[in-house]
Amino acid sequence: MHAELTAHNLQKVFNRRVIFEDISFSLSPGQTLLVTGPNGSGKSTLVKIISGVLTPTQGDVKLTVNSSTPAEAVHPFIGLVSPYLQMYEEFTARENLQFALAVRGMTSLQPHIQLLLERVALKGRLDEPVRTFSSGMKQRVKYAFALIHHPPILILDEPMSNLDASGLEIVKGIMDDHRKHGILIVATNDITDVDHYDQRIDLGVRK
């Protein structure tokens, strides 16, 4: 699946305060966009706009998949990991991923669930309630949730939150693998979270 993502003159205003403006970019498979800025600069807001969760005050985001514009919303083509996204804690890790596939009508991918949870080092914990997991384990479930439908675009908001050394290595591997064939967008306070990027938007810089 070949996806192209373009944003043109994005602006967001809350209560008459301009959060950001004049944000434009164009991304193709194999490219990474880094979004930086201090707390409150609008990184998560920009991520939500790109993901189709929020609408911009001005400007637009355009997605093309295999050279055509999808008729449906953009979220089937995006995997999102973010601190404000919560898993269903009464569900097991396996059940969370089964739910993610069911709502997308992609139950044929269920055989991949165990392999994906093993990839994020949750082998042996697949059928335990997520509420019993540590914060780092919950973060790794979020990565599995984001990747289960093989999205061409992966968006990570503060990707290293709550991760120990082994978790950091897992996530860096996921990022490296994804950028080989898809679009990677990373929003972070720490530029060292990303080893390589093609474009950077610094929301801490006012024009």
N, C-alpha and C. Protein backbone atom coordinates (compact mmCIF):
# COMPACT_ATOMS: atom_id res chain seq x y z
N MET A 1 0.85 -1.20 0.00
CA MET A 1 0.00 0.00 0.00
C MET A 1 0.89 1.25 0.00
N HIS A 2 0.72 2.09 -0.98
CA HIS A 2 1.52 3.31 -1.13
C HIS A 2 0.69 4.51 -0.69
N ALA A 3 1.13 5.17 0.37
CA ALA A 3 0.40 6.33 0.90
C ALA A 3 1.24 7.60 0.79
N GLU A 4 0.57 8.69 0.50
CA GLU A 4 1.18 10.02 0.50
C GLU A 4 0.35 10.91 1.41
N LEU A 5 1.03 11.71 2.24
CA LEU A 5 0.33 12.56 3.20
C LEU A 5 0.81 13.99 3.05
N THR A 6 -0.13 14.90 2.85
CA THR A 6 0.20 16.31 2.63
C THR A 6 -0.65 17.20 3.52
N ALA A 7 -0.01 18.15 4.16
CA ALA A 7 -0.71 19.17 4.96
C ALA A 7 -0.41 20.53 4.36
N HIS A 8 -1.44 21.38 4.32
CA HIS A 8 -1.29 22.70 3.69
C HIS A 8 -1.82 23.78 4.62
N ASN A 9 -0.93 24.66 5.05
CA ASN A 9 -1.28 25.86 5.83
C ASN A 9 -2.17 25.56 7.04
N LEU A 10 -1.79 24.57 7.83
CA LEU A 10 -2.60 24.23 9.00
C LEU A 10 -2.49 25.31 10.07
N GLN A 11 -3.65 25.62 10.63
CA GLN A 11 -3.73 26.55 11.76
C GLN A 11 -4.74 26.01 12.76
N LYS A 12 -4.44 26.19 14.05
CA LYS A 12 -5.40 25.83 15.09
C LYS A 12 -5.48 26.96 16.11
N VAL A 13 -6.72 27.36 16.39
CA VAL A 13 -6.99 28.44 17.35
C VAL A 13 -7.91 27.89 18.43
N PHE A 14 -7.54 28.10 19.69
CA PHE A 14 -8.39 27.75 20.83
C PHE A 14 -8.64 29.03 21.63
N ASN A 15 -9.93 29.34 21.83
CA ASN A 15 -10.28 30.52 22.65
C ASN A 15 -9.52 31.77 22.22
N ARG A 16 -9.47 31.97 20.92
CA ARG A 16 -8.84 33.12 20.30
C ARG A 16 -7.31 33.10 20.39
N ARG A 17 -6.75 32.04 20.94
CA ARG A 17 -5.29 31.93 21.00
C ARG A 17 -4.81 31.03 19.86
N VAL A 18 -3.86 31.53 19.10
CA VAL A 18 -3.30 30.77 17.99
C VAL A 18 -2.31 29.75 18.57
N ILE A 19 -2.63 28.46 18.43
CA ILE A 19 -1.74 27.41 18.91
C ILE A 19 -0.58 27.24 17.95
N PHE A 20 -0.88 27.15 16.67
CA PHE A 20 0.14 27.14 15.63
C PHE A 20 -0.51 27.59 14.33
N GLU A 21 0.31 27.94 13.36
CA GLU A 21 -0.20 28.37 12.06
C GLU A 21 0.86 28.13 10.99
N ASP A 22 0.41 28.15 9.73
CA ASP A 22 1.29 28.01 8.57
C ASP A 22 2.12 26.72 8.61
N ILE A 23 1.47 25.62 9.01
CA ILE A 23 2.15 24.33 9.04
C ILE A 23 1.85 23.58 7.74
N SER A 24 2.90 23.28 6.99
CA SER A 24 2.75 22.54 5.73
C SER A 24 3.85 21.49 5.64
N PHE A 25 3.52 20.36 5.05
CA PHE A 25 4.51 19.32 4.80
C PHE A 25 3.95 18.35 3.77
N SER A 26 4.84 17.57 3.18
CA SER A 26 4.46 16.53 2.24
C SER A 26 5.35 15.32 2.50
N LEU A 27 4.72 14.16 2.73
CA LEU A 27 5.46 12.96 3.12
C LEU A 27 5.14 11.80 2.19
N SER A 28 6.18 11.04 1.86
CA SER A 28 6.06 9.84 1.05
C SER A 28 6.61 8.65 1.82
N PRO A 29 6.34 7.43 1.38
CA PRO A 29 6.89 6.26 2.06
C PRO A 29 8.41 6.34 2.20
N GLY A 30 8.90 5.93 3.38
CA GLY A 30 10.31 5.99 3.66
C GLY A 30 10.76 7.27 4.32
N GLN A 31 9.81 8.21 4.55
CA GLN A 31 10.16 9.49 5.13
C GLN A 31 9.65 9.62 6.57
N THR A 32 10.41 10.39 7.36
CA THR A 32 10.08 10.63 8.76
C THR A 32 9.93 12.13 9.00
N LEU A 33 8.83 12.50 9.67
CA LEU A 33 8.59 13.87 10.09
C LEU A 33 8.77 13.94 11.60
N LEU A 34 9.60 14.85 12.08
CA LEU A 34 9.81 15.08 13.50
C LEU A 34 9.10 16.36 13.91
N VAL A 35 8.25 16.28 14.94
CA VAL A 35 7.55 17.46 15.47
C VAL A 35 8.07 17.70 16.88
N THR A 36 8.67 18.87 17.10
CA THR A 36 9.25 19.19 18.40
C THR A 36 8.63 20.48 18.94
N GLY A 37 8.95 20.75 20.20
CA GLY A 37 8.43 21.95 20.84
C GLY A 37 8.19 21.69 22.32
N PRO A 38 8.18 22.73 23.14
CA PRO A 38 7.96 22.55 24.58
C PRO A 38 6.53 22.13 24.88
N ASN A 39 6.29 21.72 26.12
CA ASN A 39 4.93 21.39 26.55
C ASN A 39 4.00 22.57 26.30
N GLY A 40 2.83 22.28 25.75
CA GLY A 40 1.86 23.34 25.48
C GLY A 40 2.03 24.02 24.14
N SER A 41 3.01 23.57 23.34
CA SER A 41 3.25 24.23 22.05
C SER A 41 2.31 23.74 20.97
N GLY A 42 1.60 22.62 21.22
CA GLY A 42 0.62 22.15 20.24
C GLY A 42 0.98 20.86 19.53
N LYS A 43 2.00 20.15 20.02
CA LYS A 43 2.42 18.91 19.35
C LYS A 43 1.27 17.90 19.30
N SER A 44 0.64 17.65 20.44
CA SER A 44 -0.45 16.67 20.46
C SER A 44 -1.64 17.14 19.65
N THR A 45 -1.88 18.44 19.64
CA THR A 45 -2.97 18.99 18.83
C THR A 45 -2.71 18.76 17.35
N LEU A 46 -1.48 18.97 16.92
CA LEU A 46 -1.13 18.73 15.52
C LEU A 46 -1.27 17.25 15.18
N VAL A 47 -0.84 16.38 16.08
CA VAL A 47 -0.98 14.94 15.87
C VAL A 47 -2.45 14.56 15.71
N LYS A 48 -3.31 15.12 16.53
CA LYS A 48 -4.74 14.81 16.46
C LYS A 48 -5.34 15.30 15.14
N ILE A 49 -4.87 16.43 14.64
CA ILE A 49 -5.36 16.93 13.35
C ILE A 49 -4.92 16.01 12.21
N ILE A 50 -3.65 15.61 12.23
CA ILE A 50 -3.14 14.71 11.19
C ILE A 50 -3.89 13.39 11.23
N SER A 51 -4.25 12.94 12.43
CA SER A 51 -4.93 11.65 12.60
C SER A 51 -6.42 11.73 12.31
N GLY A 52 -6.95 12.92 12.10
CA GLY A 52 -8.38 13.08 11.83
C GLY A 52 -9.23 13.14 13.06
N VAL A 53 -8.60 13.24 14.25
CA VAL A 53 -9.35 13.33 15.51
C VAL A 53 -9.89 14.75 15.71
N LEU A 54 -9.10 15.74 15.33
CA LEU A 54 -9.51 17.15 15.40
C LEU A 54 -9.52 17.74 14.00
N THR A 55 -10.28 18.78 13.81
CA THR A 55 -10.25 19.52 12.55
C THR A 55 -9.47 20.81 12.75
N PRO A 56 -8.71 21.23 11.76
CA PRO A 56 -7.96 22.49 11.89
C PRO A 56 -8.89 23.68 11.77
N THR A 57 -8.48 24.79 12.34
CA THR A 57 -9.21 26.04 12.15
C THR A 57 -9.08 26.51 10.71
N GLN A 58 -7.93 26.24 10.15
CA GLN A 58 -7.65 26.62 8.75
C GLN A 58 -6.71 25.59 8.16
N GLY A 59 -6.77 25.41 6.85
CA GLY A 59 -5.89 24.48 6.17
C GLY A 59 -6.50 23.09 6.07
N ASP A 60 -5.75 22.16 5.52
CA ASP A 60 -6.28 20.81 5.33
C ASP A 60 -5.16 19.79 5.28
N VAL A 61 -5.55 18.54 5.56
CA VAL A 61 -4.65 17.40 5.45
C VAL A 61 -5.22 16.49 4.37
N LYS A 62 -4.38 16.09 3.43
CA LYS A 62 -4.82 15.24 2.33
C LYS A 62 -4.04 13.93 2.34
N LEU A 63 -4.77 12.83 2.29
CA LEU A 63 -4.17 11.50 2.20
C LEU A 63 -4.51 10.89 0.86
N THR A 64 -3.51 10.36 0.19
CA THR A 64 -3.77 9.56 -1.01
C THR A 64 -3.19 8.17 -0.79
N VAL A 65 -3.94 7.16 -1.18
CA VAL A 65 -3.52 5.77 -1.04
C VAL A 65 -3.58 5.11 -2.41
N ASN A 66 -2.45 4.60 -2.86
CA ASN A 66 -2.35 4.02 -4.21
C ASN A 66 -2.88 4.99 -5.26
N SER A 67 -2.46 6.25 -5.11
CA SER A 67 -2.73 7.34 -6.07
C SER A 67 -4.17 7.82 -6.10
N SER A 68 -5.01 7.41 -5.13
CA SER A 68 -6.38 7.91 -5.08
C SER A 68 -6.73 8.32 -3.65
N THR A 69 -7.72 9.18 -3.53
CA THR A 69 -8.15 9.65 -2.21
C THR A 69 -9.16 8.68 -1.63
N PRO A 70 -8.90 8.12 -0.45
CA PRO A 70 -9.84 7.16 0.14
C PRO A 70 -11.21 7.78 0.38
N ALA A 71 -12.25 7.01 0.14
CA ALA A 71 -13.60 7.50 0.36
C ALA A 71 -13.90 7.61 1.84
N GLU A 72 -13.29 6.72 2.65
CA GLU A 72 -13.56 6.72 4.08
C GLU A 72 -12.60 7.66 4.81
N ALA A 73 -12.73 7.71 6.15
CA ALA A 73 -11.87 8.54 6.98
C ALA A 73 -10.44 8.04 6.93
N VAL A 74 -9.52 8.86 7.44
CA VAL A 74 -8.10 8.53 7.34
C VAL A 74 -7.67 7.48 8.36
N HIS A 75 -8.45 7.29 9.45
CA HIS A 75 -7.94 6.46 10.55
C HIS A 75 -7.66 5.01 10.17
N PRO A 76 -8.33 4.40 9.16
CA PRO A 76 -7.94 3.02 8.83
C PRO A 76 -6.51 2.90 8.31
N PHE A 77 -5.93 4.02 7.89
CA PHE A 77 -4.60 4.00 7.29
C PHE A 77 -3.53 4.51 8.26
N ILE A 78 -3.93 4.80 9.49
CA ILE A 78 -3.02 5.38 10.47
C ILE A 78 -2.96 4.51 11.72
N GLY A 79 -1.75 4.31 12.23
CA GLY A 79 -1.54 3.72 13.55
C GLY A 79 -1.05 4.82 14.48
N LEU A 80 -1.67 4.96 15.64
CA LEU A 80 -1.36 6.06 16.55
C LEU A 80 -1.01 5.52 17.93
N VAL A 81 0.11 6.00 18.46
CA VAL A 81 0.49 5.72 19.85
C VAL A 81 0.62 7.06 20.56
N SER A 82 -0.10 7.21 21.67
CA SER A 82 -0.13 8.49 22.36
C SER A 82 -0.46 8.30 23.83
N PRO A 83 0.05 9.18 24.72
CA PRO A 83 -0.26 9.06 26.14
C PRO A 83 -1.75 9.19 26.46
N TYR A 84 -2.51 9.92 25.62
CA TYR A 84 -3.91 10.14 25.93
C TYR A 84 -4.82 9.03 25.40
N LEU A 85 -4.27 8.07 24.68
CA LEU A 85 -5.06 6.93 24.22
C LEU A 85 -5.00 5.83 25.27
N GLN A 86 -6.14 5.29 25.64
CA GLN A 86 -6.22 4.27 26.68
C GLN A 86 -6.66 2.93 26.11
N MET A 87 -6.08 1.87 26.62
CA MET A 87 -6.54 0.53 26.29
C MET A 87 -7.78 0.19 27.14
N TYR A 88 -8.48 -0.86 26.74
CA TYR A 88 -9.56 -1.38 27.56
C TYR A 88 -8.94 -2.26 28.63
N GLU A 89 -8.83 -1.72 29.84
CA GLU A 89 -8.04 -2.38 30.87
C GLU A 89 -8.69 -3.65 31.41
N GLU A 90 -10.00 -3.78 31.24
CA GLU A 90 -10.65 -5.01 31.67
C GLU A 90 -10.45 -6.14 30.66
N PHE A 91 -10.00 -5.78 29.45
CA PHE A 91 -9.69 -6.77 28.42
C PHE A 91 -8.26 -7.26 28.59
N THR A 92 -7.99 -8.44 28.07
CA THR A 92 -6.61 -8.90 27.98
C THR A 92 -5.92 -8.20 26.81
N ALA A 93 -4.60 -8.37 26.73
CA ALA A 93 -3.86 -7.82 25.60
C ALA A 93 -4.39 -8.40 24.29
N ARG A 94 -4.63 -9.71 24.27
CA ARG A 94 -5.15 -10.35 23.07
C ARG A 94 -6.52 -9.78 22.70
N GLU A 95 -7.40 -9.62 23.69
CA GLU A 95 -8.75 -9.11 23.43
C GLU A 95 -8.72 -7.68 22.93
N ASN A 96 -7.79 -6.87 23.41
CA ASN A 96 -7.68 -5.51 22.90
C ASN A 96 -7.37 -5.51 21.41
N LEU A 97 -6.48 -6.39 20.98
CA LEU A 97 -6.13 -6.44 19.56
C LEU A 97 -7.25 -7.07 18.74
N GLN A 98 -7.94 -8.04 19.30
CA GLN A 98 -9.09 -8.62 18.60
C GLN A 98 -10.16 -7.56 18.38
N PHE A 99 -10.36 -6.70 19.37
CA PHE A 99 -11.34 -5.61 19.24
C PHE A 99 -10.90 -4.63 18.15
N ALA A 100 -9.61 -4.29 18.13
CA ALA A 100 -9.10 -3.36 17.12
C ALA A 100 -9.36 -3.88 15.71
N LEU A 101 -9.20 -5.17 15.51
CA LEU A 101 -9.46 -5.75 14.20
C LEU A 101 -10.94 -5.83 13.89
N ALA A 102 -11.74 -6.15 14.91
CA ALA A 102 -13.18 -6.30 14.69
C ALA A 102 -13.81 -4.99 14.25
N VAL A 103 -13.43 -3.87 14.87
CA VAL A 103 -14.05 -2.59 14.52
C VAL A 103 -13.62 -2.14 13.13
N ARG A 104 -12.53 -2.68 12.63
CA ARG A 104 -12.07 -2.34 11.28
C ARG A 104 -12.53 -3.37 10.25
N GLY A 105 -13.23 -4.40 10.72
CA GLY A 105 -13.67 -5.44 9.79
C GLY A 105 -12.51 -6.23 9.21
N MET A 106 -11.47 -6.44 10.02
CA MET A 106 -10.25 -7.09 9.54
C MET A 106 -9.94 -8.34 10.37
N THR A 107 -10.95 -9.10 10.69
CA THR A 107 -10.76 -10.27 11.55
C THR A 107 -9.85 -11.33 10.93
N SER A 108 -9.64 -11.26 9.63
CA SER A 108 -8.75 -12.23 8.98
C SER A 108 -7.31 -12.10 9.47
N LEU A 109 -6.98 -10.96 10.09
CA LEU A 109 -5.62 -10.75 10.58
C LEU A 109 -5.41 -11.28 11.99
N GLN A 110 -6.44 -11.89 12.59
CA GLN A 110 -6.31 -12.35 13.97
C GLN A 110 -5.16 -13.33 14.20
N PRO A 111 -4.80 -14.18 13.23
CA PRO A 111 -3.65 -15.06 13.47
C PRO A 111 -2.34 -14.32 13.74
N HIS A 112 -2.27 -13.02 13.39
CA HIS A 112 -1.04 -12.26 13.60
C HIS A 112 -0.95 -11.68 15.01
N ILE A 113 -2.02 -11.78 15.78
CA ILE A 113 -2.05 -11.15 17.10
C ILE A 113 -0.94 -11.66 18.00
N GLN A 114 -0.82 -12.97 18.11
CA GLN A 114 0.18 -13.54 19.01
C GLN A 114 1.59 -13.14 18.59
N LEU A 115 1.89 -13.18 17.29
CA LEU A 115 3.22 -12.80 16.82
C LEU A 115 3.53 -11.34 17.14
N LEU A 116 2.53 -10.47 17.00
CA LEU A 116 2.75 -9.06 17.26
C LEU A 116 2.97 -8.80 18.75
N LEU A 117 2.20 -9.47 19.60
CA LEU A 117 2.39 -9.29 21.04
C LEU A 117 3.73 -9.87 21.49
N GLU A 118 4.17 -10.93 20.85
CA GLU A 118 5.51 -11.45 21.14
C GLU A 118 6.58 -10.45 20.70
N ARG A 119 6.32 -9.75 19.61
CA ARG A 119 7.29 -8.75 19.12
C ARG A 119 7.50 -7.64 20.13
N VAL A 120 6.45 -7.30 20.88
CA VAL A 120 6.58 -6.24 21.89
C VAL A 120 6.83 -6.84 23.28
N ALA A 121 7.36 -8.06 23.30
CA ALA A 121 7.83 -8.72 24.52
C ALA A 121 6.73 -8.96 25.54
N LEU A 122 5.56 -9.39 25.07
CA LEU A 122 4.46 -9.73 25.97
C LEU A 122 4.09 -11.21 25.88
N LYS A 123 5.00 -12.01 25.38
CA LYS A 123 4.78 -13.45 25.34
C LYS A 123 4.56 -13.96 26.76
N GLY A 124 3.55 -14.75 26.94
CA GLY A 124 3.23 -15.27 28.26
C GLY A 124 2.27 -14.39 29.05
N ARG A 125 1.99 -13.18 28.53
CA ARG A 125 1.06 -12.27 29.22
C ARG A 125 -0.13 -11.92 28.34
N LEU A 126 -0.29 -12.63 27.23
CA LEU A 126 -1.30 -12.31 26.24
C LEU A 126 -2.71 -12.35 26.80
N ASP A 127 -2.97 -13.24 27.73
CA ASP A 127 -4.34 -13.47 28.20
C ASP A 127 -4.55 -13.00 29.64
N GLU A 128 -3.75 -12.01 30.04
CA GLU A 128 -3.93 -11.38 31.34
C GLU A 128 -4.55 -10.00 31.15
N PRO A 129 -5.41 -9.56 32.08
CA PRO A 129 -6.03 -8.24 31.95
C PRO A 129 -4.99 -7.13 31.90
N VAL A 130 -5.20 -6.17 31.03
CA VAL A 130 -4.26 -5.06 30.88
C VAL A 130 -4.14 -4.26 32.17
N ARG A 131 -5.17 -4.27 33.01
CA ARG A 131 -5.11 -3.52 34.27
C ARG A 131 -4.01 -4.04 35.20
N THR A 132 -3.55 -5.26 34.97
CA THR A 132 -2.49 -5.83 35.81
C THR A 132 -1.10 -5.50 35.28
N PHE A 133 -1.01 -4.82 34.16
CA PHE A 133 0.28 -4.54 33.52
C PHE A 133 0.93 -3.30 34.13
N SER A 134 2.24 -3.24 34.04
CA SER A 134 2.97 -2.03 34.40
C SER A 134 2.74 -0.97 33.33
N SER A 135 3.14 0.27 33.62
CA SER A 135 2.95 1.36 32.64
C SER A 135 3.74 1.09 31.37
N GLY A 136 4.92 0.49 31.49
CA GLY A 136 5.71 0.18 30.30
C GLY A 136 5.07 -0.91 29.46
N MET A 137 4.50 -1.91 30.12
CA MET A 137 3.80 -2.97 29.38
C MET A 137 2.58 -2.42 28.66
N LYS A 138 1.85 -1.51 29.31
CA LYS A 138 0.69 -0.90 28.67
C LYS A 138 1.13 -0.10 27.44
N GLN A 139 2.27 0.57 27.53
CA GLN A 139 2.77 1.31 26.38
C GLN A 139 3.07 0.37 25.23
N ARG A 140 3.61 -0.81 25.53
CA ARG A 140 3.92 -1.76 24.47
C ARG A 140 2.65 -2.36 23.87
N VAL A 141 1.59 -2.51 24.66
CA VAL A 141 0.31 -2.94 24.10
C VAL A 141 -0.20 -1.89 23.11
N LYS A 142 0.01 -0.61 23.42
CA LYS A 142 -0.42 0.45 22.51
C LYS A 142 0.27 0.32 21.16
N TYR A 143 1.54 -0.06 21.18
CA TYR A 143 2.26 -0.24 19.91
C TYR A 143 1.65 -1.39 19.11
N ALA A 144 1.33 -2.48 19.80
CA ALA A 144 0.70 -3.60 19.10
C ALA A 144 -0.65 -3.19 18.55
N PHE A 145 -1.43 -2.43 19.32
CA PHE A 145 -2.74 -1.94 18.90
C PHE A 145 -2.61 -1.08 17.65
N ALA A 146 -1.57 -0.22 17.63
CA ALA A 146 -1.37 0.69 16.49
C ALA A 146 -0.93 -0.03 15.23
N LEU A 147 -0.24 -1.15 15.39
CA LEU A 147 0.35 -1.84 14.24
C LEU A 147 -0.49 -2.98 13.69
N ILE A 148 -1.52 -3.41 14.42
CA ILE A 148 -2.21 -4.65 14.10
C ILE A 148 -2.85 -4.63 12.71
N HIS A 149 -3.25 -3.47 12.20
CA HIS A 149 -3.91 -3.41 10.90
C HIS A 149 -2.96 -3.01 9.77
N HIS A 150 -1.64 -3.10 10.04
CA HIS A 150 -0.60 -2.81 9.05
C HIS A 150 -0.79 -1.42 8.41
N PRO A 151 -0.83 -0.36 9.22
CA PRO A 151 -1.07 0.97 8.65
C PRO A 151 0.14 1.48 7.88
N PRO A 152 -0.08 2.18 6.78
CA PRO A 152 1.04 2.76 6.04
C PRO A 152 1.63 3.99 6.72
N ILE A 153 0.87 4.57 7.66
CA ILE A 153 1.34 5.76 8.39
C ILE A 153 1.33 5.44 9.88
N LEU A 154 2.47 5.64 10.54
CA LEU A 154 2.59 5.42 11.99
C LEU A 154 2.90 6.76 12.64
N ILE A 155 2.05 7.16 13.60
CA ILE A 155 2.21 8.44 14.28
C ILE A 155 2.46 8.17 15.76
N LEU A 156 3.56 8.69 16.28
CA LEU A 156 3.97 8.44 17.66
C LEU A 156 4.07 9.76 18.41
N ASP A 157 3.26 9.90 19.45
CA ASP A 157 3.29 11.09 20.30
C ASP A 157 3.98 10.71 21.61
N GLU A 158 5.16 11.31 21.86
CA GLU A 158 6.01 10.95 23.00
C GLU A 158 6.24 9.43 23.03
N PRO A 159 6.94 8.90 22.03
CA PRO A 159 7.01 7.45 21.81
C PRO A 159 7.72 6.67 22.90
N MET A 160 8.58 7.31 23.68
CA MET A 160 9.39 6.58 24.65
C MET A 160 8.82 6.65 26.07
N SER A 161 7.61 7.16 26.24
CA SER A 161 7.01 7.31 27.57
C SER A 161 6.94 5.98 28.28
N ASN A 162 7.39 5.95 29.54
CA ASN A 162 7.22 4.81 30.46
C ASN A 162 8.00 3.57 30.07
N LEU A 163 8.95 3.67 29.15
CA LEU A 163 9.67 2.49 28.68
C LEU A 163 11.02 2.34 29.37
N ASP A 164 11.36 1.10 29.71
CA ASP A 164 12.69 0.80 30.23
C ASP A 164 13.63 0.55 29.05
N ALA A 165 14.86 0.14 29.37
CA ALA A 165 15.88 -0.01 28.31
C ALA A 165 15.45 -1.01 27.24
N SER A 166 14.88 -2.14 27.67
CA SER A 166 14.46 -3.15 26.69
C SER A 166 13.29 -2.64 25.86
N GLY A 167 12.37 -1.90 26.51
CA GLY A 167 11.25 -1.32 25.78
C GLY A 167 11.70 -0.30 24.76
N LEU A 168 12.71 0.50 25.11
CA LEU A 168 13.24 1.49 24.17
C LEU A 168 13.81 0.81 22.94
N GLU A 169 14.49 -0.30 23.12
CA GLU A 169 15.07 -1.02 21.99
C GLU A 169 13.97 -1.58 21.09
N ILE A 170 12.89 -2.09 21.69
CA ILE A 170 11.77 -2.61 20.91
C ILE A 170 11.18 -1.51 20.04
N VAL A 171 10.94 -0.35 20.65
CA VAL A 171 10.31 0.76 19.93
C VAL A 171 11.23 1.29 18.83
N LYS A 172 12.52 1.41 19.11
CA LYS A 172 13.45 1.86 18.08
C LYS A 172 13.45 0.89 16.89
N GLY A 173 13.32 -0.40 17.19
CA GLY A 173 13.25 -1.38 16.11
C GLY A 173 11.98 -1.23 15.29
N ILE A 174 10.86 -0.97 15.97
CA ILE A 174 9.59 -0.74 15.27
C ILE A 174 9.69 0.49 14.36
N MET A 175 10.28 1.56 14.88
CA MET A 175 10.42 2.77 14.09
C MET A 175 11.30 2.53 12.87
N ASP A 176 12.42 1.84 13.07
CA ASP A 176 13.32 1.55 11.94
C ASP A 176 12.62 0.69 10.89
N ASP A 177 11.88 -0.31 11.33
CA ASP A 177 11.18 -1.18 10.38
C ASP A 177 10.12 -0.42 9.60
N HIS A 178 9.38 0.45 10.30
CA HIS A 178 8.28 1.13 9.63
C HIS A 178 8.78 2.12 8.59
N ARG A 179 9.85 2.83 8.90
CA ARG A 179 10.31 3.85 7.95
C ARG A 179 10.89 3.25 6.67
N LYS A 180 11.11 1.93 6.66
CA LYS A 180 11.59 1.29 5.44
C LYS A 180 10.53 1.27 4.34
N HIS A 181 9.25 1.27 4.74
CA HIS A 181 8.18 1.12 3.73
C HIS A 181 7.02 2.09 3.92
N GLY A 182 6.98 2.78 5.06
CA GLY A 182 5.84 3.64 5.34
C GLY A 182 6.27 5.04 5.76
N ILE A 183 5.29 5.80 6.20
CA ILE A 183 5.52 7.17 6.70
C ILE A 183 5.54 7.13 8.22
N LEU A 184 6.53 7.77 8.82
CA LEU A 184 6.66 7.83 10.28
C LEU A 184 6.60 9.29 10.71
N ILE A 185 5.73 9.58 11.69
CA ILE A 185 5.63 10.91 12.28
C ILE A 185 5.85 10.78 13.77
N VAL A 186 6.80 11.53 14.32
CA VAL A 186 7.14 11.46 15.74
C VAL A 186 7.04 12.85 16.36
N ALA A 187 6.23 12.98 17.41
CA ALA A 187 6.13 14.22 18.17
C ALA A 187 6.76 14.00 19.53
N THR A 188 7.73 14.80 19.88
CA THR A 188 8.47 14.55 21.11
C THR A 188 9.13 15.80 21.66
N ASN A 189 9.38 15.79 22.97
CA ASN A 189 10.19 16.84 23.59
C ASN A 189 11.68 16.54 23.46
N ASP A 190 12.00 15.29 23.15
CA ASP A 190 13.39 14.84 23.16
C ASP A 190 13.81 14.43 21.76
N ILE A 191 14.62 15.24 21.13
CA ILE A 191 15.02 14.99 19.75
C ILE A 191 15.80 13.69 19.62
N THR A 192 16.42 13.23 20.71
CA THR A 192 17.19 11.98 20.64
C THR A 192 16.29 10.75 20.50
N ASP A 193 14.96 10.93 20.62
CA ASP A 193 14.04 9.80 20.39
C ASP A 193 14.12 9.30 18.96
N VAL A 194 14.58 10.14 18.05
CA VAL A 194 14.61 9.81 16.62
C VAL A 194 16.05 9.83 16.12
N ASP A 195 16.48 8.73 15.52
CA ASP A 195 17.84 8.65 14.99
C ASP A 195 17.99 9.39 13.66
N HIS A 196 16.91 9.45 12.91
CA HIS A 196 16.96 10.07 11.58
C HIS A 196 15.60 10.66 11.26
N TYR A 197 15.59 11.84 10.66
CA TYR A 197 14.33 12.41 10.17
C TYR A 197 14.61 13.19 8.89
N ASP A 198 13.56 13.29 8.07
CA ASP A 198 13.68 13.98 6.78
C ASP A 198 13.18 15.41 6.85
N GLN A 199 12.16 15.64 7.69
CA GLN A 199 11.62 16.98 7.86
C GLN A 199 11.37 17.21 9.35
N ARG A 200 11.46 18.47 9.75
CA ARG A 200 11.22 18.82 11.16
C ARG A 200 10.34 20.04 11.25
N ILE A 201 9.36 19.97 12.14
CA ILE A 201 8.53 21.12 12.49
C ILE A 201 8.77 21.43 13.96
N ASP A 202 9.28 22.61 14.25
CA ASP A 202 9.52 23.01 15.64
C ASP A 202 8.45 24.02 16.04
N LEU A 203 7.50 23.56 16.85
CA LEU A 203 6.39 24.42 17.25
C LEU A 203 6.80 25.42 18.32
N GLY A 204 8.04 25.32 18.80
CA GLY A 204 8.52 26.30 19.76
C GLY A 204 9.04 27.55 19.09
N VAL A 205 9.12 27.55 17.76
CA VAL A 205 9.64 28.69 17.02
C VAL A 205 8.49 29.46 16.41
N ARG A 206 8.32 30.69 16.79
CA ARG A 206 7.29 31.56 16.22
C ARG A 206 7.85 32.37 15.09
N LYS A 207 7.09 32.44 13.99
CA LYS A 207 7.55 33.24 12.85
C LYS A 207 7.31 34.70 13.12
